[in-house]
Amino acid sequence: MPTVTFTAHLARQVPAATLEAPGTTVREVLEAVFATSPRLRTYLLDEQGRLRKHVGIWVDSVPISDRIGLGDPVTATSRLHVLQLLSGG
């Protein structure tokens, strides 16, 4: 099963442990995570179910390309890294 990890900064805002979750797309894996941690949904996704502007997800060290549908493919050995993006100057 894919492994999902959250950066320490994000985990401080919303409790989020590293876990394994089933799925073949980023959306499916996140839905499995939300089933065990429902509070994460509103922290990571907006009201339309899109990834929030200041949240990033990398699958096997590559940033996802589908921030709206979250349809990027995931394999059983994939590692998803979820982090809060910083901006400013």
C-alpha atoms as a PDB file:
ATOM      1  CA  MET A   1       0.000   0.000   0.000  1.00  0.00           C
ATOM      2  CA  PRO A   2       1.151   3.577  -0.608  1.00  0.00           C
ATOM      3  CA  THR A   3       2.698   5.346   2.388  1.00  0.00           C
ATOM      4  CA  VAL A   4       1.596   8.880   3.264  1.00  0.00           C
ATOM      5  CA  THR A   5       3.781  11.173   5.353  1.00  0.00           C
ATOM      6  CA  PHE A   6       3.101  14.684   6.561  1.00  0.00           C
ATOM      7  CA  THR A   7       5.730  17.288   7.375  1.00  0.00           C
ATOM      8  CA  ALA A   8       6.222  18.091  11.046  1.00  0.00           C
ATOM      9  CA  HIS A   9       4.906  21.622  10.510  1.00  0.00           C
ATOM     10  CA  LEU A  10       1.646  20.346   9.002  1.00  0.00           C
ATOM     11  CA  ALA A  11       1.292  17.658  11.666  1.00  0.00           C
ATOM     12  CA  ARG A  12       1.543  20.375  14.345  1.00  0.00           C
ATOM     13  CA  GLN A  13      -1.476  22.156  12.845  1.00  0.00           C
ATOM     14  CA  VAL A  14      -3.617  19.032  12.393  1.00  0.00           C
ATOM     15  CA  PRO A  15      -2.684  15.685  13.942  1.00  0.00           C
ATOM     16  CA  ALA A  16      -1.374  13.555  11.065  1.00  0.00           C
ATOM     17  CA  ALA A  17       0.646  10.394  11.479  1.00  0.00           C
ATOM     18  CA  THR A  18       2.556   8.550   8.776  1.00  0.00           C
ATOM     19  CA  LEU A  19       0.340   5.753   7.544  1.00  0.00           C
ATOM     20  CA  GLU A  20      -0.383   3.346   4.727  1.00  0.00           C
ATOM     21  CA  ALA A  21      -3.563   3.881   2.735  1.00  0.00           C
ATOM     22  CA  PRO A  22      -5.010   2.009  -0.249  1.00  0.00           C
ATOM     23  CA  GLY A  23      -5.572   3.615  -3.636  1.00  0.00           C
ATOM     24  CA  THR A  24      -4.385   3.942  -7.215  1.00  0.00           C
ATOM     25  CA  THR A  25      -4.687   7.746  -7.422  1.00  0.00           C
ATOM     26  CA  VAL A  26      -3.799  10.563  -5.064  1.00  0.00           C
ATOM     27  CA  ARG A  27      -7.544  11.204  -4.531  1.00  0.00           C
ATOM     28  CA  GLU A  28      -8.221   7.570  -3.546  1.00  0.00           C
ATOM     29  CA  VAL A  29      -5.314   7.517  -1.104  1.00  0.00           C
ATOM     30  CA  LEU A  30      -6.379  10.824   0.463  1.00  0.00           C
ATOM     31  CA  GLU A  31      -9.981   9.614   0.823  1.00  0.00           C
ATOM     32  CA  ALA A  32      -8.678   6.604   2.757  1.00  0.00           C
ATOM     33  CA  VAL A  33      -6.635   8.950   4.969  1.00  0.00           C
ATOM     34  CA  PHE A  34      -9.657  11.198   5.548  1.00  0.00           C
ATOM     35  CA  ALA A  35     -11.679   8.179   6.685  1.00  0.00           C
ATOM     36  CA  THR A  36      -9.332   7.878   9.664  1.00  0.00           C
ATOM     37  CA  SER A  37      -8.554  11.614  10.076  1.00  0.00           C
ATOM     38  CA  PRO A  38     -11.586  13.615   8.875  1.00  0.00           C
ATOM     39  CA  ARG A  39     -10.174  16.941  10.100  1.00  0.00           C
ATOM     40  CA  LEU A  40      -7.386  16.705   7.529  1.00  0.00           C
ATOM     41  CA  ARG A  41      -9.894  17.052   4.662  1.00  0.00           C
ATOM     42  CA  THR A  42     -10.727  20.689   5.365  1.00  0.00           C
ATOM     43  CA  TYR A  43      -7.093  21.511   6.040  1.00  0.00           C
ATOM     44  CA  LEU A  44      -5.845  20.034   2.743  1.00  0.00           C
ATOM     45  CA  LEU A  45      -8.816  20.534   0.380  1.00  0.00           C
ATOM     46  CA  ASP A  46     -11.033  23.519  -0.351  1.00  0.00           C
ATOM     47  CA  GLU A  47     -14.848  23.472  -0.573  1.00  0.00           C
ATOM     48  CA  GLN A  48     -14.715  22.120  -4.155  1.00  0.00           C
ATOM     49  CA  GLY A  49     -12.379  19.265  -3.194  1.00  0.00           C
ATOM     50  CA  ARG A  50      -9.306  20.841  -4.809  1.00  0.00           C
ATOM     51  CA  LEU A  51      -5.923  20.945  -3.146  1.00  0.00           C
ATOM     52  CA  ARG A  52      -5.555  24.194  -1.229  1.00  0.00           C
ATOM     53  CA  LYS A  53      -3.137  26.768  -2.651  1.00  0.00           C
ATOM     54  CA  HIS A  54      -0.588  26.403   0.141  1.00  0.00           C
ATOM     55  CA  VAL A  55      -0.542  22.596   0.286  1.00  0.00           C
ATOM     56  CA  GLY A  56       1.818  20.494  -1.809  1.00  0.00           C
ATOM     57  CA  ILE A  57       1.855  16.768  -2.487  1.00  0.00           C
ATOM     58  CA  TRP A  58       4.768  14.859  -3.964  1.00  0.00           C
ATOM     59  CA  VAL A  59       4.488  11.268  -5.192  1.00  0.00           C
ATOM     60  CA  ASP A  60       7.830   9.477  -5.281  1.00  0.00           C
ATOM     61  CA  SER A  61       9.683  12.830  -5.198  1.00  0.00           C
ATOM     62  CA  VAL A  62       7.635  14.341  -8.064  1.00  0.00           C
ATOM     63  CA  PRO A  63       5.056  17.100  -7.429  1.00  0.00           C
ATOM     64  CA  ILE A  64       1.550  16.140  -8.489  1.00  0.00           C
ATOM     65  CA  SER A  65       0.244  17.791 -11.644  1.00  0.00           C
ATOM     66  CA  ASP A  66      -3.513  17.433 -11.030  1.00  0.00           C
ATOM     67  CA  ARG A  67      -4.276  19.766  -8.131  1.00  0.00           C
ATOM     68  CA  ILE A  68      -8.006  19.831  -9.011  1.00  0.00           C
ATOM     69  CA  GLY A  69      -9.005  16.176  -9.512  1.00  0.00           C
ATOM     70  CA  LEU A  70      -6.001  14.656  -7.721  1.00  0.00           C
ATOM     71  CA  GLY A  71      -5.897  11.954 -10.387  1.00  0.00           C
ATOM     72  CA  ASP A  72      -2.121  11.460 -10.423  1.00  0.00           C
ATOM     73  CA  PRO A  73      -1.374   7.704 -10.400  1.00  0.00           C
ATOM     74  CA  VAL A  74      -0.061   5.954  -7.305  1.00  0.00           C
ATOM     75  CA  THR A  75       1.432   2.466  -7.050  1.00  0.00           C
ATOM     76  CA  ALA A  76       1.457   0.062  -4.120  1.00  0.00           C
ATOM     77  CA  THR A  77       5.029   1.125  -3.324  1.00  0.00           C
ATOM     78  CA  SER A  78       4.544   4.891  -3.767  1.00  0.00           C
ATOM     79  CA  ARG A  79       5.462   7.366  -1.068  1.00  0.00           C
ATOM     80  CA  LEU A  80       3.261  10.450  -0.835  1.00  0.00           C
ATOM     81  CA  HIS A  81       4.653  13.468   0.991  1.00  0.00           C
ATOM     82  CA  VAL A  82       2.164  16.146   2.058  1.00  0.00           C
ATOM     83  CA  LEU A  83       3.465  19.525   3.131  1.00  0.00           C
ATOM     84  CA  GLN A  84       2.460  23.089   3.706  1.00  0.00           C
ATOM     85  CA  LEU A  85       3.953  25.391   1.077  1.00  0.00           C
ATOM     86  CA  LEU A  86       5.407  28.706   2.145  1.00  0.00           C
ATOM     87  CA  SER A  87       5.261  31.940   0.191  1.00  0.00           C
ATOM     88  CA  GLY A  88       6.438  35.447   0.662  1.00  0.00           C
ATOM     89  CA  GLY A  89       9.534  37.445   0.086  1.00  0.00           C
END
